Structures are given as structure tokens and as C-alpha cells.
Amino acid sequence: MPPQPGQGRTPAAASSNSTSANNTSTTSAPHNPIAKVIWEGSIPIQFSWDKAEAAAVGSSAVESFFYEAQRCSYFSLLTSHVRKHFVDMALHFIGDDAEVWYDYEGTPLKWHYPIGLLYDIHGLQASSGRGMNGSLLPWKVTVHFQNFPGDKLIKSQAVDICQDYFMAMIKEADYLRNGTTKKVMNMSKSDQTQLWDGLSSNNYDRFWGMNYKLMQNDGVMARNLPIRIYLPENCPVIQEPVSPIDDKEQPKTLRQILNASLPDLFPLVETGPPVAGAMIHGIIPSLDTSAIWASQNMSYPDNFLHVVIIFK
């Protein structure tokens, strides 16, 4: 079953685009071709109903649902599409979308993480650790409509809760960068609505027209860079204060940032073949890349630079 026309848009797209069309005061996004390319990144996903759940109701051959998902989006924004497909096929589901959850190869997927980050962690990072180099696309994700794993996932992946988590990350990034959340707290309700609507409707201009105000530092050096580092095997996420400059007041590189937290994996001077790489949005940039530049241009919409460690 091939992807259907328009399936790259989230359920909120129609209403949000209508809002955008009626809002003549929406700020235009600045020209940034790198941010635009990252924004347009997508992952084809094959959603399959859990076999045990399907068999329990006598539906063992339900067609999978294919969707071209934006890397920067969230599973919570896709759930209504996914649910509708399986309800139309065979599923008798009268519960709430918040009860729906997803897994990849048996591991529940954290709905409050961006889809691209989840794919990099559970798909590309995990496959590199097993020595697999083949294509993982479409990404095969299993859908569950019961037995929500409350011990492994935050309960309730409803869209409004996802929005709350997203805004919490935006505030945290603002605090790390500026030492205060003043920029976010000073946003009007309509400004915050524009930010979320731009993301949920995959409207680059609408989102970045507002987010640019949060990312720019008005010529002042950021106190810290909002960076999160993900290691394999369910290791705790590394998030530490990261100064953008070194002792000589020179911009730090990604290698310097990673060396501070993982010196054995990322030595400042390579003495042999590298043992690990840093993946951002599915690509492995040079470790000589300026961390400031990477933060400004390669952060996810939550304004964090999410770095996934890949072993070579």
C-alpha cells in the first residue's frame, strides 16, 4: 500500500493552515537554507498493528499504514491518522488517542521525542551497533491500542500534552542559552500559538518566523548551548552546561563539546581510526564543525541540538 497523497501533513494541518491564512501579522521566516532543508527532512514509516492484539479480535491480516512523517514532528501528531486507518480496516477501538502507543522491535517509543530523533536512536544507532548497514526504510513501527506501558512511557500522549512538553523544552533551551526564560515568558498567547501551529502543520515560515526571535541572541554570546547527547543501550541522556567558547574565548567545535563528556570516544587528537561519530538529523557532521553554528542551524524545533552517538 503506497503512501497516500497528503499523508505528510499532520491532523492539525488543515486548521492551522487556515489560522495562518487568516493571520496577516505572522512574521516571515529569515532566509536559512540549512534550517529549511532540515525542516523538510522526512522518514517513510510503515505502521503495523501488533500481531497479538490483532489476533485476539480475529484480525490477523490487516494492511499496514504507510506515512511520510516529518523528522521534526511527533508521533502524537500522527495518531489520529493511524487510528483512523486501523479503525476503517477492522479495529473496534473506542478509547482515547492518548491510549495509543508505538514500539520498534519491542522497545516502546517515547512520544515526547521528535520522530527523527527516535529513528536515529532506535534505527540507525542500534543497527550500527549490530553491524547492520542496509536500509531500514520504511521504518517498521508497531502500533498498540491497549496495555499502555506506563512504567516505560509518560502517560497520555495526547496532542495538548505533547504541546506542553514541547513548550517546556523551548523554555529550558531559552534558560540555558540566556540564563532566563524571559524571551519565552514575554511571548503573547498568539505568538506561542503560532510557534506550535507552525510545527504541527509543518509550516516552516510560520514556525521559524516566531522561533527566530528565540534563537537569536542580539549579538550577545549565549551562556550555554542547549545540547543533549544520546548513548546506546539505554544509557542516561547526557545534558550538561555547555559553554560555547573555550578558555581562549574561541568558539568550541563539536569535538571539544563531546570530548568534555566522552573523552574516551572523542579524543581531542586522533591517534587511530575514530571509534564513534556524532549523528544529528541522520547525518554525521565533521567534528570540526563549530558547536555554535550547529546549535543555531541544526537544532530541532525544541531548540535543542540532539546528538546521537554512533559506534563505528
Protein backbone atom coordinates (compact mmCIF):
# COMPACT_ATOMS: atom_id res chain seq x y z
CA MET A 1 0.00 0.00 0.00
CA PRO A 2 1.82 3.15 -1.15
CA PRO A 3 1.80 6.43 0.80
CA GLN A 4 -1.39 8.35 0.08
CA PRO A 5 -1.43 11.97 -1.15
CA GLY A 6 -1.19 14.48 1.65
CA GLN A 7 -0.10 11.97 4.28
CA GLY A 8 2.94 14.07 5.12
CA ARG A 9 0.63 16.53 6.89
CA THR A 10 -0.45 16.15 10.46
CA PRO A 11 -4.09 16.11 11.60
CA ALA A 12 -3.74 19.70 12.75
CA ALA A 13 -2.57 20.89 9.35
CA ALA A 14 -5.90 21.98 7.91
CA SER A 15 -7.00 24.06 10.88
CA SER A 16 -3.53 25.50 11.43
CA ASN A 17 -3.08 26.47 7.80
CA SER A 18 -6.46 28.17 7.94
CA THR A 19 -5.34 30.08 11.00
CA SER A 20 -2.14 31.08 9.23
CA ALA A 21 -4.03 32.31 6.20
CA ASN A 22 -6.22 34.50 8.35
CA ASN A 23 -3.36 35.88 10.41
CA THR A 24 -1.81 38.64 8.32
CA SER A 25 0.55 39.63 11.13
CA THR A 26 2.50 36.36 11.01
CA THR A 27 6.22 37.11 10.93
CA SER A 28 8.10 35.71 7.92
CA ALA A 29 10.97 33.31 8.48
CA PRO A 30 14.51 34.57 7.78
CA HIS A 31 16.39 33.00 4.88
CA ASN A 32 18.28 29.96 6.16
CA PRO A 33 18.64 27.20 3.53
CA ILE A 34 20.20 24.76 6.02
CA ALA A 35 17.37 25.09 8.53
CA LYS A 36 14.90 24.75 5.64
CA VAL A 37 16.48 21.50 4.39
CA ILE A 38 16.46 20.08 7.92
CA TRP A 39 12.84 21.11 8.37
CA GLU A 40 11.88 19.29 5.17
CA GLY A 41 13.56 16.05 6.24
CA SER A 42 11.17 13.11 6.42
CA ILE A 43 11.05 9.39 7.18
CA PRO A 44 8.74 6.86 5.50
CA ILE A 45 7.11 4.79 8.24
CA GLN A 46 5.21 1.52 8.00
CA PHE A 47 2.76 1.28 10.89
CA SER A 48 1.63 -2.30 11.64
CA TRP A 49 -0.96 -3.34 14.19
CA ASP A 50 0.50 -5.50 16.95
CA LYS A 51 0.01 -9.12 15.88
CA ALA A 52 -1.13 -10.34 19.29
CA GLU A 53 -3.74 -7.59 19.59
CA ALA A 54 -4.98 -8.20 16.06
CA ALA A 55 -5.17 -11.98 16.55
CA ALA A 56 -7.14 -11.53 19.77
CA VAL A 57 -10.00 -9.98 17.79
CA GLY A 58 -9.65 -12.28 14.80
CA SER A 59 -7.96 -9.75 12.51
CA SER A 60 -4.66 -11.30 11.56
CA ALA A 61 -4.19 -9.77 8.10
CA VAL A 62 -4.81 -6.04 8.44
CA GLU A 63 -2.93 -3.88 5.96
CA SER A 64 -0.17 -1.69 7.30
CA PHE A 65 -0.46 2.08 7.19
CA PHE A 66 2.28 4.00 5.34
CA TYR A 67 3.06 7.59 6.21
CA GLU A 68 5.78 10.05 5.18
CA ALA A 69 6.47 11.62 8.58
CA GLN A 70 8.38 14.84 9.13
CA ARG A 71 11.56 14.30 11.15
CA CYS A 72 10.75 17.31 13.31
CA SER A 73 7.24 16.14 14.13
CA TYR A 74 5.93 13.92 16.94
CA PHE A 75 4.01 10.65 16.99
CA SER A 76 1.24 12.37 18.95
CA LEU A 77 0.51 14.45 15.85
CA LEU A 78 0.12 11.32 13.70
CA THR A 79 -2.04 9.20 16.00
CA SER A 80 -5.42 10.30 14.64
CA HIS A 81 -4.33 9.28 11.13
CA VAL A 82 -3.00 5.95 12.37
CA ARG A 83 -6.09 5.19 14.46
CA LYS A 84 -8.46 6.05 11.60
CA HIS A 85 -6.68 3.65 9.24
CA PHE A 86 -6.96 0.67 11.55
CA VAL A 87 -10.50 1.51 12.66
CA ASP A 88 -11.52 1.65 9.00
CA MET A 89 -9.83 -1.72 8.42
CA ALA A 90 -11.07 -3.82 11.31
CA LEU A 91 -10.29 -2.41 14.71
CA HIS A 92 -13.11 -1.72 17.14
CA PHE A 93 -11.44 0.96 19.24
CA ILE A 94 -13.49 3.26 21.44
CA GLY A 95 -10.67 4.52 23.61
CA ASP A 96 -8.85 7.84 23.53
CA ASP A 97 -5.91 8.60 21.24
CA ALA A 98 -3.83 9.07 24.39
CA GLU A 99 -4.02 5.29 24.92
CA VAL A 100 -2.32 4.54 21.60
CA TRP A 101 1.39 3.80 21.75
CA TYR A 102 4.19 2.64 19.48
CA ASP A 103 7.20 0.37 19.63
CA TYR A 104 10.15 -0.56 17.46
CA GLU A 105 11.42 -4.12 17.79
CA GLY A 106 9.78 -4.40 21.19
CA THR A 107 11.06 -1.10 22.60
CA PRO A 108 8.35 1.48 23.41
CA LEU A 109 8.96 4.77 21.61
CA LYS A 110 8.97 7.95 23.70
CA TRP A 111 6.21 10.07 22.20
CA HIS A 112 7.70 13.31 23.58
CA TYR A 113 10.86 12.84 21.46
CA PRO A 114 10.87 14.10 17.85
CA ILE A 115 10.32 11.33 15.30
CA GLY A 116 13.69 11.93 13.62
CA LEU A 117 15.49 11.60 16.93
CA LEU A 118 13.66 8.36 17.71
CA TYR A 119 14.62 6.94 14.32
CA ASP A 120 18.26 7.89 14.79
CA ILE A 121 18.34 6.29 18.25
CA HIS A 122 16.35 3.11 17.68
CA GLY A 123 17.03 2.63 14.00
CA LEU A 124 20.40 3.99 12.91
CA GLN A 125 22.23 3.90 16.26
CA ALA A 126 21.01 0.41 17.13
CA SER A 127 21.71 -1.00 13.67
CA SER A 128 25.26 0.39 13.64
CA GLY A 129 25.90 -1.36 16.95
CA ARG A 130 24.83 -4.66 15.36
CA GLY A 131 26.99 -4.11 12.30
CA MET A 132 23.99 -3.62 10.01
CA ASN A 133 24.45 -1.25 7.09
CA GLY A 134 21.37 -2.00 5.00
CA SER A 135 18.38 0.28 4.52
CA LEU A 136 15.89 0.42 7.40
CA LEU A 137 13.28 2.22 5.33
CA PRO A 138 10.40 2.22 5.54
CA TRP A 139 10.85 2.29 9.30
CA LYS A 140 8.70 -0.55 10.64
CA VAL A 141 6.83 0.66 13.73
CA THR A 142 4.28 -1.40 15.67
CA VAL A 143 1.04 0.21 16.85
CA HIS A 144 -0.69 -0.75 20.11
CA PHE A 145 -4.21 0.13 21.20
CA GLN A 146 -4.09 -1.41 24.67
CA ASN A 147 -1.76 -2.23 27.58
CA PHE A 148 -0.09 1.18 27.65
CA PRO A 149 3.36 0.68 29.29
CA GLY A 150 3.04 3.31 32.00
CA ASP A 151 6.27 2.10 33.60
CA LYS A 152 8.24 2.94 30.45
CA LEU A 153 6.39 5.82 28.82
CA ILE A 154 4.96 9.04 30.18
CA LYS A 155 1.22 8.52 30.41
CA SER A 156 -1.01 10.35 27.94
CA GLN A 157 0.44 11.19 24.56
CA ALA A 158 -2.49 13.45 23.67
CA VAL A 159 -1.69 16.38 21.38
CA ASP A 160 -2.24 19.03 24.06
CA ILE A 161 0.11 17.21 26.45
CA CYS A 162 2.69 16.91 23.68
CA GLN A 163 2.38 20.67 23.15
CA ASP A 164 3.00 21.24 26.86
CA TYR A 165 6.17 19.12 26.77
CA PHE A 166 7.35 20.89 23.64
CA MET A 167 6.90 24.32 25.22
CA ALA A 168 8.69 23.11 28.36
CA MET A 169 11.69 22.18 26.22
CA ILE A 170 11.55 25.57 24.50
CA LYS A 171 11.67 27.26 27.91
CA GLU A 172 14.54 25.07 29.08
CA ALA A 173 16.54 25.85 25.95
CA ASP A 174 15.87 29.56 26.46
CA TYR A 175 17.09 29.34 30.06
CA LEU A 176 20.28 27.51 29.09
CA ARG A 177 21.03 29.99 26.33
CA ASN A 178 20.20 33.20 28.22
CA GLY A 179 20.13 32.36 31.92
CA THR A 180 16.45 33.31 31.98
CA THR A 181 13.19 32.31 30.32
CA LYS A 182 12.25 35.93 29.73
CA LYS A 183 12.07 35.62 25.96
CA VAL A 184 9.59 32.76 26.12
CA MET A 185 7.60 34.17 29.01
CA ASN A 186 7.25 37.51 27.20
CA MET A 187 5.66 35.82 24.20
CA SER A 188 1.97 36.55 23.79
CA LYS A 189 -0.55 33.74 23.61
CA SER A 190 -0.86 34.27 19.86
CA ASP A 191 2.93 34.07 19.49
CA GLN A 192 3.01 30.73 21.32
CA THR A 193 0.10 29.53 19.20
CA GLN A 194 1.98 30.50 16.04
CA LEU A 195 5.01 28.52 17.22
CA TRP A 196 3.07 25.32 17.88
CA ASP A 197 0.75 25.67 14.89
CA GLY A 198 3.73 26.14 12.61
CA LEU A 199 5.23 22.88 13.86
CA SER A 200 2.01 20.86 13.91
CA SER A 201 1.05 21.98 10.39
CA ASN A 202 4.60 21.64 9.00
CA ASN A 203 4.60 25.33 8.09
CA TYR A 204 8.24 26.41 8.03
CA ASP A 205 7.60 30.14 7.60
CA ARG A 206 5.01 30.24 10.35
CA PHE A 207 7.22 28.39 12.83
CA TRP A 208 10.58 29.99 12.10
CA GLY A 209 9.07 33.44 11.76
CA MET A 210 8.48 33.24 15.50
CA ASN A 211 11.25 30.86 16.64
CA TYR A 212 13.93 33.06 15.09
CA LYS A 213 13.22 35.58 17.83
CA LEU A 214 14.08 32.95 20.44
CA MET A 215 17.21 31.68 18.71
CA GLN A 216 18.91 35.00 18.01
CA ASN A 217 20.99 36.45 20.82
CA ASP A 218 21.12 40.06 19.65
CA GLY A 219 24.90 39.98 19.34
CA VAL A 220 25.39 38.60 22.86
CA MET A 221 27.21 35.29 23.30
CA ALA A 222 24.96 32.54 24.63
CA ARG A 223 25.71 31.45 28.19
CA ASN A 224 25.33 27.78 27.31
CA LEU A 225 24.30 25.74 24.30
CA PRO A 226 21.19 23.54 24.68
CA ILE A 227 22.64 20.14 23.81
CA ARG A 228 21.56 16.60 24.66
CA ILE A 229 23.75 13.56 23.95
CA TYR A 230 22.33 10.05 23.47
CA LEU A 231 24.43 6.91 24.00
CA PRO A 232 23.36 3.36 23.05
CA GLU A 233 21.95 0.68 25.35
CA ASN A 234 19.54 2.95 27.20
CA CYS A 235 22.32 4.91 28.86
CA PRO A 236 21.14 8.08 30.63
CA VAL A 237 20.89 11.12 28.40
CA ILE A 238 23.82 13.49 28.88
CA GLN A 239 22.81 17.10 29.37
CA GLU A 240 25.35 19.37 31.00
CA PRO A 241 26.02 23.12 30.86
CA VAL A 242 27.98 23.62 27.63
CA SER A 243 29.85 26.88 27.21
CA PRO A 244 30.06 27.88 23.53
CA ILE A 245 33.64 29.18 23.89
CA ASP A 246 36.86 27.74 25.27
CA ASP A 247 39.37 29.23 27.72
CA LYS A 248 40.84 31.34 24.92
CA GLU A 249 37.38 32.69 24.09
CA GLN A 250 37.35 30.83 20.79
CA PRO A 251 34.21 29.04 19.56
CA LYS A 252 34.24 25.39 20.56
CA THR A 253 33.93 22.63 18.00
CA LEU A 254 31.67 19.62 18.29
CA ARG A 255 34.76 17.56 19.11
CA GLN A 256 35.56 19.77 22.09
CA ILE A 257 31.97 19.56 23.32
CA LEU A 258 31.91 15.77 23.03
CA ASN A 259 35.39 15.37 24.48
CA ALA A 260 34.29 17.11 27.67
CA SER A 261 31.60 14.47 28.27
CA LEU A 262 33.04 11.44 26.45
CA PRO A 263 36.85 11.80 26.32
CA ASP A 264 37.49 8.12 25.53
CA LEU A 265 35.23 8.21 22.49
CA PHE A 266 36.17 11.66 21.23
CA PRO A 267 39.83 12.47 21.95
CA LEU A 268 41.00 15.95 21.03
CA VAL A 269 43.78 14.38 18.95
CA GLU A 270 43.02 11.23 17.00
CA THR A 271 45.74 8.57 17.27
CA GLY A 272 43.91 5.97 15.23
CA PRO A 273 40.66 5.30 13.38
CA PRO A 274 37.71 7.00 15.11
CA VAL A 275 35.62 4.66 17.24
CA ALA A 276 32.50 6.80 17.29
CA GLY A 277 30.70 9.53 15.40
CA ALA A 278 28.06 12.11 16.26
CA MET A 279 24.80 11.94 14.32
CA ILE A 280 22.44 14.91 14.00
CA HIS A 281 19.29 14.64 11.88
CA GLY A 282 20.53 11.39 10.37
CA ILE A 283 23.87 12.76 9.17
CA ILE A 284 27.33 12.68 10.72
CA PRO A 285 28.86 16.18 10.51
CA SER A 286 32.56 16.90 10.83
CA LEU A 287 33.67 17.10 14.44
CA ASP A 288 35.49 20.31 13.50
CA THR A 289 32.10 21.99 12.98
CA SER A 290 31.52 24.99 15.22
CA ALA A 291 29.18 24.00 18.04
CA ILE A 292 27.62 27.47 17.94
CA TRP A 293 26.90 27.10 14.23
CA ALA A 294 25.48 23.61 14.74
CA SER A 295 23.24 24.82 17.56
CA GLN A 296 21.91 27.73 15.51
CA ASN A 297 21.36 25.77 12.31
CA MET A 298 20.82 22.11 13.23
CA SER A 299 18.73 22.21 16.40
CA TYR A 300 15.32 20.56 16.42
CA PRO A 301 12.25 22.80 16.75
CA ASP A 302 12.51 22.46 20.55
CA ASN A 303 15.78 24.43 20.13
CA PHE A 304 17.95 21.61 21.47
CA LEU A 305 20.81 20.12 19.48
CA HIS A 306 20.12 16.39 19.84
CA VAL A 307 23.32 14.41 19.23
CA VAL A 308 23.15 10.63 18.79
CA ILE A 309 26.40 8.72 19.31
CA ILE A 310 27.12 6.10 16.65
CA PHE A 311 29.82 3.46 17.17
CA LYS A 312 31.89 2.63 14.10
